[in-house]
Amino acid sequence: SDFAGKYYTNKLSSPEKIDVVYQSVEVNPPKRTEPDQSFTIGMLGNFEPNKGQHIAIEALREVVKKYPDTRLLLIGGNNSRYAQELEKRITEYNLRQNVSIVAHTVHPHDYLIQADAALVCSGFECFGRVIVEGLKCGLPVIVPDKPFGQELIKEGYNGFLYNRESSGDLAKKIILLRQTGHLPEMKQNALKSVENRFSIPTFAEEFISIINSKKA
């Protein structure tokens, strides 16, 4: 990512040795169906503190006060202590009807594609792969207002940025997404923002171009 590239450029005495090549992110989700379901936010990631599923649950606790039918789909569940803590919060906050958990699966996009939007709560990412996956599923993505999020998301165009230190701010952005009349347009923008990007051919072309330029 540009974020990682700039970080390491500042650490080297010969910054010209750094080049950025985006990795490929291949997503071929099945055709989206039209499920008769409530507004759903999908979150893909292994259950661990850095991924921030607890932040999503805290935010949902506030969102359901205004929109009780809002659902949170957590994809990547496991049996860790952290996962057990999340289960306790879900029960304590009376969110059993609002939160669904899918265990770790080799086909996560089969689930993510059914959501109305994607959510990322990571504290740190060198490259926001899961953001790209959400965009390639045609979903606006709500991400932390951090370099890895700012690099891929344009506020109000293909998603929203929020303050990760405030679950209340995340709740406001989810509510804003529910209230906007431009959700279909944002879904189209999500696809446009990754069109012809992050593909294997693009990765190969950029990588070969850099290698050839170094030989010249």
Protein backbone atom coordinates (compact mmCIF):
# COMPACT_ATOMS: atom_id res chain seq x y z
CA SER A 1 0.00 0.00 0.00
CA ASP A 2 1.04 3.64 -0.35
CA PHE A 3 0.76 3.88 3.43
CA ALA A 4 3.34 1.12 3.96
CA GLY A 5 5.50 2.47 1.15
CA LYS A 6 5.70 5.93 2.72
CA TYR A 7 6.46 4.44 6.12
CA TYR A 8 9.45 2.44 4.89
CA THR A 9 10.64 5.21 2.58
CA ASN A 10 11.11 7.43 5.62
CA LYS A 11 13.16 4.68 7.30
CA LEU A 12 15.66 4.17 4.47
CA SER A 13 18.69 6.21 3.51
CA SER A 14 18.01 5.28 -0.14
CA PRO A 15 14.25 5.83 -0.58
CA GLU A 16 14.50 5.19 -4.33
CA LYS A 17 14.78 1.51 -3.48
CA ILE A 18 11.11 1.43 -2.47
CA ASP A 19 8.31 0.87 -4.97
CA VAL A 20 4.67 0.12 -4.25
CA VAL A 21 2.84 -2.69 -6.04
CA TYR A 22 -0.67 -3.47 -4.85
CA GLN A 23 -1.26 -7.16 -4.22
CA SER A 24 -4.01 -8.88 -6.15
CA VAL A 25 -7.31 -9.47 -4.40
CA GLU A 26 -9.40 -11.95 -6.32
CA VAL A 27 -13.06 -11.98 -5.32
CA ASN A 28 -15.64 -13.88 -7.34
CA PRO A 29 -18.75 -13.81 -5.18
CA PRO A 30 -21.91 -15.58 -6.36
CA LYS A 31 -24.67 -13.54 -7.89
CA ARG A 32 -26.39 -11.46 -5.25
CA THR A 33 -29.85 -12.69 -4.36
CA GLU A 34 -32.67 -10.55 -3.05
CA PRO A 35 -33.10 -11.96 0.44
CA ASP A 36 -36.02 -10.86 2.54
CA GLN A 37 -33.88 -9.70 5.41
CA SER A 38 -33.27 -6.70 7.61
CA PHE A 39 -30.53 -4.17 6.93
CA THR A 40 -27.30 -6.10 7.45
CA ILE A 41 -23.72 -5.02 8.09
CA GLY A 42 -21.16 -7.71 7.24
CA MET A 43 -17.81 -7.91 9.00
CA LEU A 44 -15.13 -10.29 7.78
CA GLY A 45 -12.11 -11.18 9.92
CA ASN A 46 -10.66 -13.63 12.39
CA PHE A 47 -11.93 -13.04 15.91
CA GLU A 48 -9.14 -11.17 17.68
CA PRO A 49 -8.89 -7.82 19.54
CA ASN A 50 -7.10 -5.96 16.72
CA LYS A 51 -9.95 -6.78 14.34
CA GLY A 52 -12.30 -5.04 16.76
CA GLN A 53 -15.48 -7.10 16.70
CA HIS A 54 -16.17 -5.76 20.21
CA ILE A 55 -16.34 -2.23 18.76
CA ALA A 56 -18.91 -3.36 16.22
CA ILE A 57 -21.06 -4.90 18.95
CA GLU A 58 -20.84 -1.78 21.11
CA ALA A 59 -21.88 0.36 18.14
CA LEU A 60 -24.76 -1.97 17.25
CA ARG A 61 -26.01 -1.61 20.81
CA GLU A 62 -26.61 2.08 20.04
CA VAL A 63 -27.87 1.60 16.48
CA VAL A 64 -30.70 -0.75 17.50
CA LYS A 65 -32.14 1.93 19.76
CA LYS A 66 -33.11 3.79 16.57
CA TYR A 67 -33.28 0.89 14.12
CA PRO A 68 -34.15 -2.31 16.06
CA ASP A 69 -34.08 -4.44 12.90
CA THR A 70 -30.39 -3.78 12.11
CA ARG A 71 -28.32 -6.96 11.89
CA LEU A 72 -24.59 -7.58 12.26
CA LEU A 73 -23.07 -10.56 10.46
CA LEU A 74 -19.69 -11.55 11.91
CA ILE A 75 -17.74 -13.87 9.58
CA GLY A 76 -14.66 -15.61 10.92
CA GLY A 77 -15.73 -16.87 14.32
CA ASN A 78 -13.53 -19.14 16.42
CA ASN A 79 -13.34 -20.57 19.95
CA SER A 80 -10.83 -18.13 21.40
CA ARG A 81 -11.23 -16.42 24.77
CA TYR A 82 -11.92 -13.21 22.90
CA ALA A 83 -14.75 -14.91 21.00
CA GLN A 84 -16.23 -16.08 24.30
CA GLU A 85 -16.12 -12.50 25.59
CA LEU A 86 -17.98 -11.35 22.50
CA GLU A 87 -20.66 -13.97 23.10
CA LYS A 88 -21.12 -12.67 26.65
CA ARG A 89 -21.54 -9.10 25.41
CA ILE A 90 -24.10 -10.17 22.81
CA THR A 91 -26.15 -11.86 25.52
CA GLU A 92 -25.69 -9.05 28.04
CA TYR A 93 -26.82 -6.43 25.51
CA ASN A 94 -29.80 -8.55 24.42
CA LEU A 95 -28.57 -8.66 20.81
CA ARG A 96 -29.12 -12.35 20.09
CA GLN A 97 -31.69 -11.48 17.44
CA ASN A 98 -29.38 -8.93 15.84
CA VAL A 99 -26.00 -10.68 15.65
CA SER A 100 -25.21 -13.74 13.55
CA ILE A 101 -21.82 -15.49 13.69
CA VAL A 102 -20.35 -17.58 10.91
CA ALA A 103 -17.38 -19.75 11.80
CA HIS A 104 -14.15 -19.42 9.82
CA THR A 105 -14.88 -20.54 6.26
CA VAL A 106 -12.97 -20.87 2.99
CA HIS A 107 -15.90 -19.18 1.24
CA PRO A 108 -16.47 -15.99 3.26
CA HIS A 109 -17.66 -13.95 0.28
CA ASP A 110 -20.68 -16.24 -0.10
CA TYR A 111 -21.88 -14.64 3.15
CA LEU A 112 -20.51 -11.13 2.77
CA ILE A 113 -22.23 -10.61 -0.58
CA GLN A 114 -25.61 -10.92 1.16
CA ALA A 115 -25.00 -7.86 3.34
CA ASP A 116 -25.96 -4.25 2.57
CA ALA A 117 -22.58 -2.87 3.63
CA ALA A 118 -19.26 -4.03 5.03
CA LEU A 119 -17.53 -2.98 8.24
CA VAL A 120 -13.87 -2.91 9.25
CA CYS A 121 -12.82 -2.23 12.86
CA SER A 122 -9.11 -3.06 12.72
CA GLY A 123 -6.72 -0.99 14.77
CA PHE A 124 -3.94 -1.44 12.23
CA GLU A 125 -3.52 -2.89 8.74
CA CYS A 126 -0.59 -2.52 6.35
CA PHE A 127 -2.99 -3.08 3.48
CA GLY A 128 -6.75 -3.08 3.82
CA ARG A 129 -7.40 -6.32 1.95
CA VAL A 130 -10.76 -6.87 3.62
CA ILE A 131 -11.77 -3.34 2.52
CA VAL A 132 -11.03 -4.26 -1.09
CA GLU A 133 -12.96 -7.52 -0.68
CA GLY A 134 -15.99 -5.59 0.53
CA LEU A 135 -15.77 -3.13 -2.37
CA LYS A 136 -15.41 -5.98 -4.86
CA CYS A 137 -18.60 -7.47 -3.43
CA GLY A 138 -20.30 -4.20 -4.33
CA LEU A 139 -20.65 -3.00 -0.75
CA PRO A 140 -19.93 0.42 0.69
CA VAL A 141 -17.42 -0.05 3.51
CA ILE A 142 -17.28 1.71 6.88
CA VAL A 143 -13.64 1.88 8.02
CA PRO A 144 -11.47 3.55 10.69
CA ASP A 145 -10.27 7.03 9.83
CA LYS A 146 -6.69 5.79 9.59
CA PRO A 147 -4.17 5.76 6.69
CA PHE A 148 -5.09 2.25 5.53
CA GLY A 149 -8.75 3.27 5.42
CA GLN A 150 -8.24 6.73 3.93
CA GLU A 151 -6.28 5.18 1.05
CA LEU A 152 -9.27 3.19 -0.19
CA ILE A 153 -12.43 4.91 1.05
CA LYS A 154 -13.78 8.29 -0.03
CA GLU A 155 -16.22 9.62 2.54
CA GLY A 156 -19.80 9.42 1.31
CA TYR A 157 -18.76 7.97 -2.08
CA ASN A 158 -17.90 4.32 -1.51
CA GLY A 159 -18.17 4.23 2.26
CA PHE A 160 -17.59 6.18 5.48
CA LEU A 161 -14.69 6.87 7.83
CA TYR A 162 -15.10 6.86 11.61
CA ASN A 163 -13.09 7.39 14.77
CA ARG A 164 -12.11 3.90 15.97
CA GLU A 165 -11.76 5.18 19.54
CA SER A 166 -15.48 5.94 19.62
CA SER A 167 -18.09 3.23 19.14
CA GLY A 168 -20.58 6.09 19.25
CA ASP A 169 -19.06 7.60 16.13
CA LEU A 170 -19.28 4.24 14.39
CA ALA A 171 -22.93 4.00 15.40
CA LYS A 172 -23.56 7.42 13.85
CA LYS A 173 -22.00 6.32 10.55
CA ILE A 174 -24.09 3.13 10.45
CA ILE A 175 -27.22 5.18 11.11
CA LEU A 176 -26.14 7.65 8.42
CA LEU A 177 -25.76 4.78 5.97
CA ARG A 178 -29.26 3.58 6.82
CA GLN A 179 -30.71 7.04 6.38
CA THR A 180 -29.01 7.93 3.12
CA GLY A 181 -31.08 7.69 0.00
CA HIS A 182 -27.95 6.99 -2.03
CA LEU A 183 -27.19 3.43 -0.91
CA PRO A 184 -27.70 1.91 -4.41
CA GLU A 185 -25.42 4.59 -5.86
CA MET A 186 -22.78 3.93 -3.18
CA LYS A 187 -22.87 0.23 -4.03
CA GLN A 188 -22.15 1.08 -7.66
CA ASN A 189 -19.38 3.44 -6.57
CA ALA A 190 -17.87 0.63 -4.50
CA LEU A 191 -17.48 -1.49 -7.62
CA LYS A 192 -16.21 1.44 -9.69
CA SER A 193 -13.50 2.25 -7.13
CA VAL A 194 -11.88 -1.17 -7.56
CA GLU A 195 -12.64 -1.69 -11.24
CA ASN A 196 -9.52 -2.93 -13.06
CA ARG A 197 -7.55 -2.70 -9.81
CA PHE A 198 -6.08 -5.32 -7.47
CA SER A 199 -6.17 -8.02 -10.16
CA ILE A 200 -3.51 -10.62 -10.94
CA PRO A 201 -2.80 -9.14 -14.44
CA THR A 202 -2.44 -5.64 -12.96
CA PHE A 203 -0.10 -6.90 -10.24
CA ALA A 204 2.04 -8.77 -12.78
CA GLU A 205 2.23 -5.79 -15.15
CA GLU A 206 3.25 -3.35 -12.41
CA PHE A 207 5.78 -5.75 -10.92
CA ILE A 208 7.41 -6.50 -14.28
CA SER A 209 7.46 -2.80 -15.16
CA ILE A 210 9.36 -2.00 -11.96
CA ILE A 211 11.85 -4.83 -12.51
CA ASN A 212 12.50 -3.67 -16.08
CA SER A 213 12.97 -0.06 -14.99
CA LYS A 214 15.61 -1.13 -12.49
CA LYS A 215 17.51 -2.97 -15.23
CA ALA A 216 17.57 0.08 -17.50
